[in-house]
Protein backbone atom coordinates (compact mmCIF):
# COMPACT_ATOMS: atom_id res chain seq x y z
CA MET A 1 -75.08 55.11 -38.69
CA LEU A 2 -77.90 54.51 -41.29
CA LYS A 3 -81.57 53.21 -40.54
CA PHE A 4 -83.82 51.55 -43.14
CA PHE A 5 -87.30 50.27 -42.69
CA LEU A 6 -88.13 47.33 -44.17
CA LYS A 7 -92.15 46.27 -44.60
CA ASP A 8 -91.52 42.62 -45.57
CA GLU A 9 -89.56 39.86 -46.75
CA ALA A 10 -89.35 41.67 -50.59
CA ALA A 11 -87.86 44.67 -49.15
CA THR A 12 -85.41 42.70 -47.19
CA LEU A 13 -84.37 40.69 -50.19
CA ALA A 14 -84.32 44.07 -52.17
CA PHE A 15 -82.04 45.53 -49.22
CA GLY A 16 -79.80 42.74 -49.88
CA GLU A 17 -79.78 43.29 -53.52
CA ALA A 18 -78.63 47.15 -52.63
CA ILE A 19 -75.77 46.22 -50.58
CA ALA A 20 -74.10 43.64 -53.19
CA PRO A 21 -72.77 46.00 -55.48
CA ILE A 22 -70.45 47.82 -53.20
CA LEU A 23 -68.96 44.82 -51.74
CA LYS A 24 -65.34 44.14 -52.47
CA VAL A 25 -62.51 41.44 -51.86
CA GLY A 26 -61.62 41.44 -48.06
CA ASP A 27 -65.03 42.53 -46.83
CA MET A 28 -66.66 41.10 -43.83
CA VAL A 29 -70.57 41.83 -43.18
CA ALA A 30 -71.87 40.93 -39.66
CA LEU A 31 -75.58 40.10 -39.62
CA TYR A 32 -76.94 40.66 -36.07
CA GLY A 33 -80.29 39.72 -34.88
CA GLY A 34 -82.58 37.25 -33.10
CA LEU A 35 -84.12 34.04 -34.64
CA GLY A 36 -86.52 35.20 -37.51
CA ALA A 37 -85.03 38.54 -37.74
CA GLY A 38 -84.28 38.33 -41.67
CA LYS A 39 -80.52 37.70 -41.42
CA THR A 40 -80.79 34.72 -43.74
CA THR A 41 -83.49 36.67 -46.34
CA LEU A 42 -80.98 39.66 -46.34
CA ALA A 43 -77.97 37.41 -47.46
CA ARG A 44 -80.40 35.52 -50.01
CA GLY A 45 -81.10 38.70 -51.64
CA LEU A 46 -77.32 39.66 -51.50
CA LEU A 47 -75.89 36.38 -52.72
CA GLN A 48 -78.46 35.77 -55.74
CA THR A 49 -77.54 39.35 -56.89
CA LEU A 50 -74.03 38.74 -57.10
CA CYS A 51 -74.40 34.99 -57.99
CA GLY A 52 -77.34 34.68 -59.90
CA PRO A 53 -80.64 32.70 -59.45
CA ILE A 54 -79.17 29.96 -57.08
CA ASP A 55 -80.48 28.33 -53.93
CA VAL A 56 -79.80 29.71 -50.48
CA PRO A 57 -80.48 27.72 -47.64
CA SER A 58 -79.78 28.79 -44.02
CA PRO A 59 -76.14 27.44 -43.10
CA THR A 60 -77.37 26.56 -39.82
CA TYR A 61 -76.35 23.15 -39.91
CA THR A 62 -73.42 23.26 -42.28
CA LEU A 63 -71.85 26.49 -40.50
CA VAL A 64 -70.78 27.56 -43.72
CA GLN A 65 -71.66 27.72 -47.34
CA THR A 66 -69.68 28.96 -50.30
CA TYR A 67 -70.48 30.55 -53.53
CA GLU A 68 -68.70 31.81 -56.57
CA ALA A 69 -69.49 35.45 -57.55
CA GLN A 70 -68.13 36.91 -60.73
CA ASN A 71 -64.70 38.46 -59.09
CA PHE A 72 -64.37 36.58 -55.53
CA LEU A 73 -65.81 33.78 -53.46
CA LEU A 74 -68.52 34.34 -51.02
CA TRP A 75 -68.19 32.65 -47.37
CA HIS A 76 -72.10 32.80 -45.80
CA PHE A 77 -71.90 31.77 -41.92
CA ASP A 78 -74.06 30.99 -39.38
CA LEU A 79 -72.27 30.75 -36.04
CA TYR A 80 -75.68 29.89 -34.11
CA ARG A 81 -74.25 26.47 -33.49
CA LEU A 82 -70.56 27.18 -33.05
CA GLU A 83 -69.19 26.02 -29.65
CA SER A 84 -66.24 28.41 -29.30
CA ALA A 85 -64.36 31.04 -31.40
CA GLU A 86 -61.73 28.80 -31.65
CA ASP A 87 -63.55 26.33 -34.05
CA LEU A 88 -63.79 28.98 -36.58
CA GLU A 89 -60.25 27.86 -38.06
CA GLU A 90 -61.53 24.73 -38.90
CA LEU A 91 -64.32 26.72 -41.17
CA ALA A 92 -61.79 28.46 -43.65
CA TRP A 93 -62.17 31.49 -41.59
CA GLN A 94 -58.79 32.75 -42.61
CA GLU A 95 -59.32 32.25 -46.19
CA THR A 96 -62.53 34.71 -46.26
CA VAL A 97 -59.86 37.80 -46.74
CA ASP A 98 -59.63 36.31 -50.43
CA GLY A 99 -63.23 37.11 -50.69
CA VAL A 100 -66.25 38.41 -48.87
CA ALA A 101 -67.99 36.87 -45.76
CA LEU A 102 -71.53 37.21 -44.60
CA VAL A 103 -71.61 36.30 -40.97
CA GLU A 104 -74.90 35.43 -39.09
CA TRP A 105 -74.75 35.55 -35.28
CA PRO A 106 -70.87 37.28 -35.27
CA GLU A 107 -70.95 37.79 -31.75
CA ARG A 108 -70.33 34.17 -31.29
CA ALA A 109 -67.11 34.96 -32.98
CA GLY A 110 -65.59 36.83 -30.31
CA ASN A 111 -62.67 38.72 -30.86
CA LYS A 112 -61.97 36.98 -34.22
CA MET A 113 -64.19 39.80 -36.06
CA PRO A 114 -62.21 42.08 -37.81
CA SER A 115 -62.62 45.82 -36.48
CA TRP A 116 -63.05 47.04 -40.39
CA ARG A 117 -66.57 45.48 -41.00
CA LEU A 118 -70.04 46.18 -41.82
CA ASP A 119 -72.55 45.79 -39.00
CA ILE A 120 -75.83 45.21 -40.26
CA ILE A 121 -78.52 44.89 -37.02
CA LEU A 122 -82.04 43.82 -38.13
CA ALA A 123 -84.77 44.28 -35.34
CA PRO A 124 -88.60 43.73 -35.23
CA GLU A 125 -90.66 47.06 -35.76
CA GLU A 126 -94.08 47.59 -36.48
CA ALA A 127 -95.12 45.20 -39.25
CA GLY A 128 -91.48 44.97 -40.60
CA ARG A 129 -88.23 45.31 -39.54
CA MET A 130 -85.61 48.08 -38.90
CA VAL A 131 -82.35 47.93 -40.40
CA THR A 132 -79.49 49.68 -38.93
CA LEU A 133 -76.17 50.01 -40.93
CA GLU A 134 -73.04 50.65 -38.89
CA PRO A 135 -69.89 50.91 -40.99
CA ARG A 136 -66.59 50.08 -38.85
CA GLY A 137 -63.75 51.68 -40.86
CA GLU A 138 -63.52 55.04 -42.91
CA ASP A 139 -63.69 52.99 -46.39
CA TRP A 140 -67.38 51.43 -45.37
CA GLN A 141 -68.42 55.15 -44.45
CA LYS A 142 -67.46 56.12 -47.78
CA ARG A 143 -69.13 53.27 -49.64
CA LEU A 144 -72.47 53.81 -47.82
CA ASN A 145 -72.40 57.64 -48.59
CA ASP A 146 -71.46 56.79 -52.47
CA ASP A 147 -74.05 57.01 -55.06
CA SER A 148 -73.63 53.32 -55.99
CA PHE A 149 -75.85 52.32 -52.86
CA GLN A 150 -79.30 53.22 -53.39
CA PHE A 151 -81.85 52.53 -50.56
CA PRO A 152 -84.61 55.00 -48.89
CA ARG A 153 -83.20 55.83 -45.37
CA ARG A 154 -84.30 56.85 -42.06
CA ASP A 155 -81.36 58.68 -40.64
CA ASP A 156 -80.53 59.63 -37.01
């Protein structure tokens, strides 16, 4: 588990930028946190790093937005309004194995979340937010400890 303090929105965008280079086809990133925790801001930094200067709206109402990166597709899910985990099949959930999926409100996916994923938990702290990374799977642990992921840490 790794912890990072993000003092403002710019730091949250930068954190998303730092995560982007370590992603690869088949990855799922689960973004946990309450309303206004910074999930979409973090996703915006990540998506703009991989796709260029694009508009990244919250997919709260559409439930999913897709983006084209250089080497893969990205799915940005917001499951806040999802009524049942069974409804994921209508949102191209199975196709995400051919790209990368960012999932806001992943707890609403129930048992549809893979066990090999990166959990990112955002929580308010002081004047900013604390971000905790919980790698699920050995490959994620290796990538987070690799020199390609650079961000000031607050380890437990």
